[in-house]
N, C-alpha and C. Protein backbone atom coordinates (compact mmCIF):
# COMPACT_ATOMS: atom_id res chain seq x y z
N MET A 1 130.38 100.30 102.49
CA MET A 1 129.90 101.52 101.85
C MET A 1 128.40 101.38 101.56
N LEU A 2 127.68 102.47 101.78
CA LEU A 2 126.24 102.49 101.58
C LEU A 2 125.87 103.59 100.59
N THR A 3 124.79 103.38 99.84
CA THR A 3 124.22 104.45 99.02
C THR A 3 123.03 105.01 99.78
N VAL A 4 123.15 106.27 100.19
CA VAL A 4 122.17 106.89 101.09
C VAL A 4 121.39 107.96 100.34
N ASN A 5 120.09 107.88 100.44
CA ASN A 5 119.23 108.88 99.82
C ASN A 5 119.13 110.14 100.67
N GLU A 6 118.88 109.96 101.96
CA GLU A 6 118.78 111.11 102.86
C GLU A 6 118.87 110.64 104.32
N ILE A 7 119.31 111.54 105.17
CA ILE A 7 119.31 111.33 106.62
C ILE A 7 118.67 112.57 107.23
N PHE A 8 117.66 112.37 108.06
CA PHE A 8 116.95 113.53 108.61
C PHE A 8 116.35 113.20 109.98
N HIS A 9 116.04 114.24 110.72
CA HIS A 9 115.48 114.15 112.07
C HIS A 9 114.04 114.58 112.01
N SER A 10 113.13 113.75 112.47
CA SER A 10 111.71 114.08 112.37
C SER A 10 110.94 113.37 113.49
N ILE A 11 109.64 113.43 113.37
CA ILE A 11 108.75 112.70 114.27
C ILE A 11 108.42 111.37 113.61
N GLN A 12 108.55 110.30 114.38
CA GLN A 12 108.18 108.98 113.86
C GLN A 12 106.69 109.00 113.51
N GLY A 13 106.38 108.67 112.28
CA GLY A 13 104.99 108.76 111.82
C GLY A 13 104.23 107.47 111.88
N GLU A 14 104.95 106.34 112.07
CA GLU A 14 104.30 105.04 112.02
C GLU A 14 104.82 104.14 113.14
N SER A 15 104.25 102.95 113.21
CA SER A 15 104.63 101.92 114.19
C SER A 15 104.14 102.33 115.58
N THR A 16 104.46 101.53 116.58
CA THR A 16 104.05 101.84 117.95
C THR A 16 104.86 103.00 118.52
N PHE A 17 105.88 103.45 117.78
CA PHE A 17 106.69 104.58 118.22
C PHE A 17 106.19 105.90 117.63
N ALA A 18 105.04 105.90 116.97
CA ALA A 18 104.51 107.10 116.34
C ALA A 18 104.45 108.25 117.34
N GLY A 19 104.93 109.41 116.89
CA GLY A 19 104.92 110.60 117.73
C GLY A 19 106.24 110.88 118.40
N GLU A 20 107.17 109.91 118.41
CA GLU A 20 108.45 110.10 119.08
C GLU A 20 109.50 110.65 118.09
N PRO A 21 110.41 111.49 118.58
CA PRO A 21 111.51 111.96 117.71
C PRO A 21 112.36 110.78 117.25
N CYS A 22 112.83 110.86 116.01
CA CYS A 22 113.57 109.74 115.41
C CYS A 22 114.47 110.28 114.30
N VAL A 23 115.65 109.69 114.15
CA VAL A 23 116.50 109.97 113.00
C VAL A 23 116.25 108.90 111.96
N PHE A 24 116.01 109.31 110.73
CA PHE A 24 115.75 108.38 109.64
C PHE A 24 116.95 108.32 108.71
N VAL A 25 117.37 107.10 108.41
CA VAL A 25 118.40 106.87 107.41
C VAL A 25 117.72 106.17 106.23
N ARG A 26 117.51 106.92 105.16
CA ARG A 26 116.82 106.36 103.99
C ARG A 26 117.86 105.91 102.97
N LEU A 27 117.89 104.60 102.72
CA LEU A 27 118.85 104.06 101.75
C LEU A 27 118.24 104.04 100.35
N THR A 28 119.10 104.10 99.37
CA THR A 28 118.69 104.15 97.97
C THR A 28 118.44 102.75 97.41
N ALA A 29 117.49 102.65 96.51
CA ALA A 29 117.15 101.46 95.71
C ALA A 29 116.01 100.65 96.31
N CYS A 30 115.18 100.15 95.43
CA CYS A 30 114.10 99.24 95.81
C CYS A 30 113.80 98.34 94.62
N ASP A 31 113.53 97.07 94.90
CA ASP A 31 113.20 96.13 93.83
C ASP A 31 111.70 95.87 93.76
N LEU A 32 110.90 96.70 94.43
CA LEU A 32 109.45 96.66 94.30
C LEU A 32 108.98 97.99 93.70
N ARG A 33 107.78 97.97 93.17
CA ARG A 33 107.17 99.19 92.64
C ARG A 33 105.71 99.24 93.08
N CYS A 34 105.51 99.41 94.37
CA CYS A 34 104.15 99.47 94.91
C CYS A 34 103.40 100.64 94.30
N ARG A 35 102.15 100.42 93.99
CA ARG A 35 101.34 101.40 93.27
C ARG A 35 101.30 102.74 93.99
N TRP A 36 101.30 102.73 95.33
CA TRP A 36 101.16 103.98 96.08
C TRP A 36 102.47 104.43 96.73
N CYS A 37 103.57 103.95 96.27
CA CYS A 37 104.85 104.32 96.88
C CYS A 37 104.97 105.84 97.02
N ASP A 38 105.33 106.30 98.22
CA ASP A 38 105.45 107.73 98.47
C ASP A 38 106.90 108.21 98.47
N THR A 39 107.84 107.31 98.15
CA THR A 39 109.25 107.73 98.08
C THR A 39 109.92 107.22 96.81
N PRO A 40 109.33 107.42 95.63
CA PRO A 40 109.96 106.94 94.40
C PRO A 40 111.31 107.61 94.13
N TYR A 41 111.53 108.78 94.74
CA TYR A 41 112.82 109.45 94.56
C TYR A 41 113.97 108.63 95.16
N ALA A 42 113.63 107.68 96.05
CA ALA A 42 114.67 106.84 96.66
C ALA A 42 115.04 105.65 95.78
N PHE A 43 114.38 105.48 94.65
CA PHE A 43 114.75 104.38 93.75
C PHE A 43 116.17 104.55 93.21
N HIS A 44 116.53 105.80 92.93
CA HIS A 44 117.80 106.04 92.26
C HIS A 44 118.67 107.12 92.90
N GLU A 45 118.06 108.12 93.54
CA GLU A 45 118.82 109.25 94.07
C GLU A 45 119.61 108.84 95.32
N GLY A 46 120.86 109.25 95.41
CA GLY A 46 121.63 108.96 96.61
C GLY A 46 123.11 109.18 96.38
N ARG A 47 123.87 109.12 97.48
CA ARG A 47 125.32 109.26 97.38
C ARG A 47 126.00 108.24 98.28
N LYS A 48 127.20 107.90 97.93
CA LYS A 48 127.96 106.91 98.69
C LYS A 48 128.42 107.51 100.02
N MET A 49 128.24 106.75 101.10
CA MET A 49 128.68 107.15 102.42
C MET A 49 129.24 105.94 103.14
N SER A 50 130.30 106.13 103.90
CA SER A 50 130.83 105.04 104.72
C SER A 50 129.95 104.86 105.95
N ILE A 51 130.08 103.72 106.59
CA ILE A 51 129.33 103.49 107.83
C ILE A 51 129.71 104.53 108.87
N ASP A 52 130.99 104.87 108.95
CA ASP A 52 131.43 105.89 109.90
C ASP A 52 130.73 107.23 109.64
N GLU A 53 130.60 107.59 108.37
CA GLU A 53 129.94 108.85 108.02
C GLU A 53 128.47 108.82 108.42
N VAL A 54 127.80 107.72 108.15
CA VAL A 54 126.38 107.62 108.49
C VAL A 54 126.20 107.70 110.00
N VAL A 55 127.00 106.96 110.75
CA VAL A 55 126.88 106.98 112.21
C VAL A 55 127.14 108.37 112.76
N ALA A 56 128.13 109.07 112.21
CA ALA A 56 128.42 110.43 112.67
C ALA A 56 127.26 111.37 112.41
N ARG A 57 126.62 111.24 111.25
CA ARG A 57 125.46 112.09 110.93
C ARG A 57 124.30 111.79 111.87
N VAL A 58 124.08 110.52 112.16
CA VAL A 58 123.01 110.14 113.09
C VAL A 58 123.31 110.68 114.48
N ASP A 59 124.54 110.49 114.95
CA ASP A 59 124.91 110.92 116.30
C ASP A 59 124.77 112.43 116.47
N ALA A 60 124.98 113.18 115.39
CA ALA A 60 124.95 114.64 115.47
C ALA A 60 123.59 115.17 115.90
N TYR A 61 122.54 114.39 115.69
CA TYR A 61 121.19 114.83 116.07
C TYR A 61 120.91 114.62 117.57
N GLY A 62 121.71 113.79 118.22
CA GLY A 62 121.51 113.57 119.65
C GLY A 62 120.18 112.92 119.99
N CYS A 63 119.70 112.07 119.11
CA CYS A 63 118.40 111.42 119.28
C CYS A 63 118.61 109.93 119.56
N PRO A 64 117.93 109.36 120.55
CA PRO A 64 118.17 107.96 120.92
C PRO A 64 117.54 106.93 119.99
N MET A 65 116.69 107.37 119.06
CA MET A 65 116.01 106.41 118.17
C MET A 65 116.41 106.66 116.73
N VAL A 66 116.65 105.57 115.99
CA VAL A 66 116.98 105.69 114.57
C VAL A 66 116.25 104.61 113.80
N GLU A 67 115.71 104.97 112.64
CA GLU A 67 115.07 104.01 111.76
C GLU A 67 115.80 103.97 110.43
N ILE A 68 116.09 102.76 109.97
CA ILE A 68 116.68 102.57 108.64
C ILE A 68 115.55 102.15 107.71
N THR A 69 115.40 102.90 106.63
CA THR A 69 114.28 102.66 105.73
C THR A 69 114.77 102.82 104.30
N GLY A 70 113.85 102.94 103.37
CA GLY A 70 114.25 103.05 101.97
C GLY A 70 113.16 103.71 101.16
N GLY A 71 113.10 103.28 99.90
CA GLY A 71 113.71 102.13 99.29
C GLY A 71 113.49 100.84 100.08
N GLU A 72 114.34 99.86 99.76
CA GLU A 72 114.37 98.60 100.50
C GLU A 72 115.77 98.47 101.11
N PRO A 73 115.89 98.72 102.42
CA PRO A 73 117.22 98.77 103.04
C PRO A 73 117.97 97.44 103.02
N LEU A 74 117.26 96.31 102.97
CA LEU A 74 117.95 95.03 103.01
C LEU A 74 118.60 94.66 101.68
N LEU A 75 118.48 95.53 100.68
CA LEU A 75 119.19 95.29 99.42
C LEU A 75 120.68 95.56 99.55
N GLN A 76 121.07 96.36 100.55
CA GLN A 76 122.47 96.75 100.68
C GLN A 76 123.14 95.94 101.81
N PRO A 77 124.12 95.11 101.48
CA PRO A 77 124.75 94.25 102.49
C PRO A 77 125.32 95.00 103.69
N ASP A 78 125.83 96.21 103.47
CA ASP A 78 126.45 96.95 104.58
C ASP A 78 125.44 97.52 105.56
N VAL A 79 124.15 97.30 105.30
CA VAL A 79 123.15 97.73 106.28
C VAL A 79 123.29 96.92 107.57
N HIS A 80 123.79 95.69 107.46
CA HIS A 80 123.92 94.85 108.66
C HIS A 80 124.99 95.36 109.62
N PRO A 81 126.20 95.66 109.15
CA PRO A 81 127.16 96.26 110.09
C PRO A 81 126.73 97.64 110.58
N LEU A 82 125.98 98.39 109.75
CA LEU A 82 125.45 99.67 110.22
C LEU A 82 124.51 99.46 111.40
N MET A 83 123.61 98.50 111.28
CA MET A 83 122.68 98.23 112.39
C MET A 83 123.43 97.82 113.65
N ARG A 84 124.46 97.00 113.49
CA ARG A 84 125.23 96.57 114.66
C ARG A 84 125.93 97.76 115.32
N ARG A 85 126.46 98.67 114.52
CA ARG A 85 127.12 99.85 115.08
C ARG A 85 126.14 100.72 115.85
N LEU A 86 124.97 100.90 115.29
CA LEU A 86 123.97 101.73 115.95
C LEU A 86 123.47 101.10 117.25
N LEU A 87 123.28 99.79 117.24
CA LEU A 87 122.89 99.10 118.46
C LEU A 87 123.97 99.23 119.52
N ALA A 88 125.22 99.07 119.12
CA ALA A 88 126.33 99.13 120.07
C ALA A 88 126.45 100.51 120.71
N SER A 89 125.95 101.54 120.03
CA SER A 89 126.01 102.89 120.59
C SER A 89 124.86 103.16 121.55
N GLY A 90 124.00 102.16 121.74
CA GLY A 90 122.90 102.30 122.71
C GLY A 90 121.60 102.82 122.15
N LYS A 91 121.51 102.95 120.83
CA LYS A 91 120.29 103.48 120.24
C LYS A 91 119.20 102.42 120.09
N THR A 92 117.95 102.87 120.11
CA THR A 92 116.83 102.04 119.70
C THR A 92 116.83 102.04 118.17
N VAL A 93 116.95 100.86 117.57
CA VAL A 93 117.11 100.77 116.11
C VAL A 93 115.92 100.04 115.50
N LEU A 94 115.29 100.67 114.52
CA LEU A 94 114.20 100.07 113.76
C LEU A 94 114.66 99.93 112.32
N ILE A 95 114.17 98.89 111.66
CA ILE A 95 114.33 98.80 110.21
C ILE A 95 112.97 98.53 109.60
N GLU A 96 112.63 99.29 108.55
CA GLU A 96 111.38 99.06 107.84
C GLU A 96 111.71 98.37 106.52
N THR A 97 111.13 97.18 106.35
CA THR A 97 111.44 96.36 105.18
C THR A 97 110.16 95.89 104.52
N GLY A 98 110.25 95.65 103.22
CA GLY A 98 109.08 95.25 102.46
C GLY A 98 108.60 93.84 102.72
N GLY A 99 109.37 93.03 103.38
CA GLY A 99 108.92 91.68 103.70
C GLY A 99 109.17 90.66 102.61
N HIS A 100 109.72 91.09 101.49
CA HIS A 100 110.03 90.15 100.40
C HIS A 100 111.49 89.72 100.47
N ARG A 101 112.25 90.34 101.37
CA ARG A 101 113.64 89.98 101.62
C ARG A 101 113.74 89.32 102.99
N SER A 102 114.56 88.29 103.10
CA SER A 102 114.67 87.58 104.38
C SER A 102 115.13 88.52 105.49
N ILE A 103 114.47 88.43 106.62
CA ILE A 103 114.85 89.21 107.80
C ILE A 103 115.72 88.39 108.75
N ALA A 104 116.13 87.19 108.33
CA ALA A 104 116.84 86.27 109.22
C ALA A 104 118.15 86.84 109.74
N ASP A 105 118.85 87.64 108.93
CA ASP A 105 120.17 88.13 109.32
C ASP A 105 120.15 89.50 109.97
N VAL A 106 118.96 90.05 110.19
CA VAL A 106 118.88 91.32 110.90
C VAL A 106 119.34 91.09 112.34
N PRO A 107 120.27 91.89 112.85
CA PRO A 107 120.83 91.63 114.18
C PRO A 107 119.78 91.60 115.29
N ASP A 108 120.01 90.74 116.25
CA ASP A 108 119.16 90.71 117.44
C ASP A 108 119.17 92.09 118.09
N GLY A 109 118.02 92.52 118.53
CA GLY A 109 117.93 93.83 119.16
C GLY A 109 117.32 94.87 118.26
N VAL A 110 117.37 94.65 116.94
CA VAL A 110 116.74 95.57 115.99
C VAL A 110 115.25 95.26 115.91
N ILE A 111 114.43 96.29 115.94
CA ILE A 111 112.98 96.12 115.81
C ILE A 111 112.65 96.12 114.32
N ARG A 112 112.14 95.00 113.85
CA ARG A 112 111.84 94.84 112.43
C ARG A 112 110.38 95.19 112.17
N VAL A 113 110.15 96.20 111.37
CA VAL A 113 108.80 96.58 110.95
C VAL A 113 108.65 96.07 109.53
N MET A 114 107.91 94.97 109.38
CA MET A 114 107.84 94.25 108.11
C MET A 114 106.50 94.50 107.43
N ASP A 115 106.56 94.97 106.21
CA ASP A 115 105.38 95.34 105.43
C ASP A 115 104.98 94.17 104.53
N ILE A 116 103.90 93.49 104.88
CA ILE A 116 103.36 92.44 104.02
C ILE A 116 102.51 93.10 102.94
N LYS A 117 102.86 92.87 101.69
CA LYS A 117 102.20 93.56 100.58
C LYS A 117 100.84 92.93 100.27
N CYS A 118 99.83 93.79 100.21
CA CYS A 118 98.48 93.37 99.84
C CYS A 118 98.31 93.44 98.32
N PRO A 119 97.27 92.78 97.77
CA PRO A 119 97.11 92.76 96.30
C PRO A 119 97.04 94.14 95.66
N GLY A 120 96.45 95.12 96.34
CA GLY A 120 96.33 96.45 95.77
C GLY A 120 97.65 97.12 95.49
N SER A 121 98.72 96.64 96.13
CA SER A 121 100.05 97.22 95.90
C SER A 121 100.61 96.81 94.55
N GLY A 122 100.12 95.69 94.02
CA GLY A 122 100.67 95.12 92.80
C GLY A 122 101.89 94.26 93.03
N GLU A 123 102.27 94.04 94.31
CA GLU A 123 103.50 93.31 94.62
C GLU A 123 103.29 92.16 95.60
N SER A 124 102.06 91.75 95.82
CA SER A 124 101.79 90.72 96.84
C SER A 124 102.38 89.36 96.48
N ALA A 125 102.62 89.10 95.20
CA ALA A 125 103.18 87.81 94.79
C ALA A 125 104.62 87.64 95.27
N LYS A 126 105.26 88.71 95.70
CA LYS A 126 106.67 88.66 96.08
C LYS A 126 106.90 88.50 97.58
N ASN A 127 105.83 88.45 98.37
CA ASN A 127 106.01 88.27 99.81
C ASN A 127 106.79 87.00 100.12
N ASP A 128 107.74 87.09 101.05
CA ASP A 128 108.50 85.93 101.51
C ASP A 128 107.80 85.39 102.75
N TRP A 129 107.00 84.35 102.58
CA TRP A 129 106.18 83.86 103.69
C TRP A 129 107.00 83.18 104.77
N GLU A 130 108.23 82.80 104.45
CA GLU A 130 109.09 82.23 105.49
C GLU A 130 109.40 83.27 106.56
N ASN A 131 109.31 84.55 106.22
CA ASN A 131 109.56 85.59 107.21
C ASN A 131 108.60 85.53 108.38
N LEU A 132 107.40 84.98 108.17
CA LEU A 132 106.44 84.88 109.27
C LEU A 132 107.00 84.01 110.39
N HIS A 133 107.83 83.04 110.04
CA HIS A 133 108.40 82.13 111.03
C HIS A 133 109.66 82.71 111.67
N ARG A 134 110.07 83.87 111.21
CA ARG A 134 111.27 84.53 111.75
C ARG A 134 110.90 85.66 112.70
N LEU A 135 109.63 85.94 112.84
CA LEU A 135 109.18 87.05 113.68
C LEU A 135 109.38 86.74 115.16
N THR A 136 109.61 87.79 115.93
CA THR A 136 109.70 87.68 117.38
C THR A 136 108.73 88.68 118.01
N ALA A 137 108.60 88.61 119.30
CA ALA A 137 107.71 89.51 120.03
C ALA A 137 108.17 90.96 119.95
N ARG A 138 109.40 91.19 119.50
CA ARG A 138 109.94 92.54 119.35
C ARG A 138 109.50 93.18 118.03
N ASP A 139 109.08 92.36 117.07
CA ASP A 139 108.83 92.83 115.71
C ASP A 139 107.40 93.34 115.52
N GLN A 140 107.22 94.09 114.44
CA GLN A 140 105.91 94.62 114.08
C GLN A 140 105.65 94.30 112.61
N VAL A 141 104.40 93.95 112.31
CA VAL A 141 104.00 93.63 110.93
C VAL A 141 102.99 94.67 110.48
N LYS A 142 103.18 95.16 109.26
CA LYS A 142 102.31 96.21 108.73
C LYS A 142 101.64 95.75 107.44
N PHE A 143 100.37 96.09 107.29
CA PHE A 143 99.63 95.91 106.04
C PHE A 143 99.14 97.29 105.61
N VAL A 144 99.42 97.68 104.37
CA VAL A 144 98.89 98.93 103.82
C VAL A 144 97.65 98.57 103.02
N ILE A 145 96.54 99.20 103.36
CA ILE A 145 95.22 98.80 102.86
C ILE A 145 94.65 99.88 101.94
N ALA A 146 94.30 99.48 100.71
CA ALA A 146 93.71 100.42 99.76
C ALA A 146 92.22 100.16 99.55
N THR A 147 91.80 98.91 99.72
CA THR A 147 90.43 98.52 99.37
C THR A 147 89.91 97.50 100.37
N ARG A 148 88.63 97.21 100.26
CA ARG A 148 88.04 96.15 101.08
C ARG A 148 88.72 94.82 100.79
N ALA A 149 89.06 94.56 99.54
CA ALA A 149 89.74 93.31 99.19
C ALA A 149 91.09 93.21 99.88
N ASP A 150 91.82 94.32 99.95
CA ASP A 150 93.09 94.33 100.68
C ASP A 150 92.86 94.00 102.15
N TYR A 151 91.83 94.60 102.73
CA TYR A 151 91.53 94.34 104.14
C TYR A 151 91.24 92.86 104.36
N GLU A 152 90.44 92.27 103.50
CA GLU A 152 90.09 90.85 103.66
C GLU A 152 91.31 89.96 103.50
N TYR A 153 92.22 90.33 102.63
CA TYR A 153 93.49 89.62 102.46
C TYR A 153 94.30 89.68 103.76
N ALA A 154 94.42 90.89 104.31
CA ALA A 154 95.16 91.05 105.57
C ALA A 154 94.49 90.30 106.70
N ARG A 155 93.18 90.41 106.78
CA ARG A 155 92.44 89.72 107.85
C ARG A 155 92.66 88.22 107.81
N GLU A 156 92.66 87.65 106.61
CA GLU A 156 92.85 86.21 106.48
C GLU A 156 94.24 85.79 106.97
N ILE A 157 95.26 86.59 106.65
CA ILE A 157 96.62 86.28 107.09
C ILE A 157 96.75 86.44 108.61
N VAL A 158 96.21 87.53 109.13
CA VAL A 158 96.28 87.78 110.57
C VAL A 158 95.65 86.62 111.35
N GLN A 159 94.50 86.17 110.88
CA GLN A 159 93.79 85.11 111.59
C GLN A 159 94.43 83.74 111.37
N ARG A 160 94.74 83.41 110.13
CA ARG A 160 95.30 82.09 109.81
C ARG A 160 96.66 81.88 110.45
N GLU A 161 97.49 82.91 110.39
CA GLU A 161 98.86 82.79 110.90
C GLU A 161 98.99 83.21 112.37
N ARG A 162 97.88 83.63 112.97
CA ARG A 162 97.88 84.06 114.37
C ARG A 162 99.00 85.08 114.59
N LEU A 163 98.98 86.09 113.73
CA LEU A 163 100.08 87.06 113.71
C LEU A 163 100.20 87.82 115.02
N ALA A 164 99.07 88.09 115.68
CA ALA A 164 99.13 88.85 116.93
C ALA A 164 99.91 88.09 118.00
N GLU A 165 100.05 86.76 117.85
CA GLU A 165 100.83 85.97 118.79
C GLU A 165 102.28 85.81 118.34
N ARG A 166 102.53 85.97 117.06
CA ARG A 166 103.88 85.80 116.52
C ARG A 166 104.75 87.04 116.71
N CYS A 167 104.13 88.21 116.73
CA CYS A 167 104.91 89.44 116.78
C CYS A 167 104.33 90.38 117.83
N GLY A 168 105.01 91.50 118.04
CA GLY A 168 104.57 92.43 119.07
C GLY A 168 103.30 93.18 118.71
N THR A 169 103.19 93.59 117.46
CA THR A 169 102.05 94.40 117.02
C THR A 169 101.77 94.16 115.55
N VAL A 170 100.48 94.10 115.20
CA VAL A 170 100.06 94.06 113.81
C VAL A 170 99.42 95.41 113.48
N LEU A 171 99.94 96.07 112.47
CA LEU A 171 99.50 97.42 112.10
C LEU A 171 98.73 97.37 110.78
N LEU A 172 97.59 98.02 110.74
CA LEU A 172 96.84 98.19 109.49
C LEU A 172 96.79 99.68 109.18
N SER A 173 97.25 100.05 107.99
CA SER A 173 97.37 101.46 107.63
C SER A 173 96.62 101.73 106.33
N PRO A 174 95.66 102.66 106.32
CA PRO A 174 94.97 102.98 105.06
C PRO A 174 95.88 103.77 104.14
N VAL A 175 95.77 103.54 102.84
CA VAL A 175 96.52 104.35 101.88
C VAL A 175 96.05 105.80 102.02
N HIS A 176 97.00 106.68 102.32
CA HIS A 176 96.67 108.08 102.59
C HIS A 176 96.00 108.72 101.38
N GLY A 177 94.83 109.34 101.62
CA GLY A 177 94.12 110.03 100.56
C GLY A 177 93.33 109.12 99.64
N GLU A 178 93.33 107.82 99.94
CA GLU A 178 92.64 106.86 99.06
C GLU A 178 91.56 106.09 99.80
N LEU A 179 91.90 105.51 100.95
CA LEU A 179 90.91 104.79 101.76
C LEU A 179 90.61 105.61 103.01
N PRO A 180 89.36 106.01 103.24
CA PRO A 180 89.04 106.77 104.45
C PRO A 180 89.38 105.96 105.70
N PRO A 181 90.12 106.54 106.65
CA PRO A 181 90.46 105.79 107.87
C PRO A 181 89.24 105.26 108.61
N ARG A 182 88.13 105.98 108.53
CA ARG A 182 86.92 105.52 109.22
C ARG A 182 86.48 104.17 108.69
N ASP A 183 86.57 103.97 107.37
CA ASP A 183 86.16 102.69 106.80
C ASP A 183 86.99 101.56 107.39
N LEU A 184 88.30 101.75 107.42
CA LEU A 184 89.17 100.70 107.95
C LEU A 184 88.90 100.48 109.44
N ALA A 185 88.70 101.54 110.18
CA ALA A 185 88.41 101.41 111.61
C ALA A 185 87.14 100.59 111.83
N GLU A 186 86.12 100.85 111.04
CA GLU A 186 84.85 100.14 111.22
C GLU A 186 84.97 98.67 110.85
N TRP A 187 85.78 98.35 109.83
CA TRP A 187 85.99 96.93 109.47
C TRP A 187 86.70 96.20 110.60
N VAL A 188 87.72 96.85 111.15
CA VAL A 188 88.48 96.24 112.24
C VAL A 188 87.58 95.99 113.45
N LEU A 189 86.76 96.97 113.79
CA LEU A 189 85.87 96.82 114.94
C LEU A 189 84.82 95.75 114.70
N GLU A 190 84.28 95.70 113.49
CA GLU A 190 83.26 94.70 113.16
C GLU A 190 83.81 93.28 113.31
N ASP A 191 85.05 93.08 112.92
CA ASP A 191 85.65 91.75 112.96
C ASP A 191 86.40 91.47 114.26
N ARG A 192 86.46 92.49 115.13
CA ARG A 192 87.22 92.34 116.39
C ARG A 192 88.63 91.81 116.11
N LEU A 193 89.25 92.38 115.12
CA LEU A 193 90.56 91.93 114.69
C LEU A 193 91.64 92.46 115.66
N PRO A 194 92.57 91.59 116.10
CA PRO A 194 93.58 92.01 117.08
C PRO A 194 94.73 92.77 116.43
N VAL A 195 94.42 93.98 115.94
CA VAL A 195 95.39 94.80 115.23
C VAL A 195 95.34 96.22 115.76
N ARG A 196 96.28 97.02 115.30
CA ARG A 196 96.33 98.44 115.65
C ARG A 196 96.14 99.26 114.39
N LEU A 197 95.15 100.15 114.36
CA LEU A 197 94.95 101.05 113.23
C LEU A 197 96.04 102.11 113.26
N GLN A 198 96.67 102.33 112.13
CA GLN A 198 97.79 103.26 112.05
C GLN A 198 97.54 104.29 110.95
N LEU A 199 97.68 105.55 111.29
CA LEU A 199 97.68 106.62 110.31
C LEU A 199 99.11 107.13 110.18
N GLN A 200 99.47 107.60 109.01
CA GLN A 200 100.82 108.13 108.80
C GLN A 200 100.86 109.56 109.35
N MET A 201 101.26 109.66 110.62
CA MET A 201 101.18 110.93 111.34
C MET A 201 101.89 112.07 110.63
N HIS A 202 103.05 111.78 110.02
CA HIS A 202 103.82 112.85 109.38
C HIS A 202 103.07 113.48 108.22
N LYS A 203 102.14 112.72 107.61
CA LYS A 203 101.39 113.27 106.48
C LYS A 203 100.26 114.18 106.93
N TYR A 204 99.96 114.17 108.22
CA TYR A 204 98.98 115.09 108.78
C TYR A 204 99.66 116.32 109.37
N ILE A 205 100.92 116.18 109.77
CA ILE A 205 101.67 117.31 110.31
C ILE A 205 102.21 118.19 109.18
N TRP A 206 102.78 117.54 108.16
CA TRP A 206 103.36 118.25 107.01
C TRP A 206 102.59 117.87 105.74
N ASP A 207 102.78 118.62 104.70
CA ASP A 207 102.21 118.26 103.39
C ASP A 207 102.73 116.88 103.01
N PRO A 208 101.87 115.99 102.51
CA PRO A 208 102.29 114.63 102.18
C PRO A 208 103.44 114.54 101.18
N GLN A 209 103.66 115.59 100.39
CA GLN A 209 104.73 115.57 99.40
C GLN A 209 106.07 116.08 99.95
N THR A 210 106.08 116.54 101.21
CA THR A 210 107.29 117.13 101.78
C THR A 210 108.34 116.05 102.04
N ARG A 211 109.56 116.30 101.59
CA ARG A 211 110.66 115.37 101.85
C ARG A 211 111.33 115.71 103.19
N GLY A 212 112.06 114.75 103.71
CA GLY A 212 112.86 115.01 104.89
C GLY A 212 112.07 115.20 106.16
N VAL A 213 110.87 114.63 106.19
CA VAL A 213 110.06 114.68 107.41
C VAL A 213 109.48 113.29 107.72
């Protein structure tokens, strides 16, 4: 049984799949409180659904891609059998996780988009650094950047840990409405950092406060 905040069909706004249609399964609850969290309604709101119910709702959209997000989806043990069911149905499955929970038990075949928390989030002390050794070429690592200090923190990790060699893609995303994307782009270019600049596409298509997109 899972506690589900919402299930919706939209355009993927982040990762290397940005722009592609995707079904999102947003699970309830998170044990982090990032300063710029854009889904605080997922901390508590939700209803109980069986795995069969969730899979049926996802299948009804007829979309080959599904992302499990939150909240923090790895807080719920039944997320693992859900991922296996979705993979078995032939879907491309992504999970977006805060990176403070072990990704070791995420089923093979799932694309793990792991968010390493920078100091500006207020939650960087909780990063599980062992997760860096669990990454594969299929996975993607994301840093959300609010300030120059956040950028320098991310840059140091990318370079020291050779993240571009550990995973498929390293994503740097400016906090929407707080850090101008141009600033982040210029820092990346100046340092020749092997990363991909990411904007949250859905926040440019729809109002940033709109749910279910």
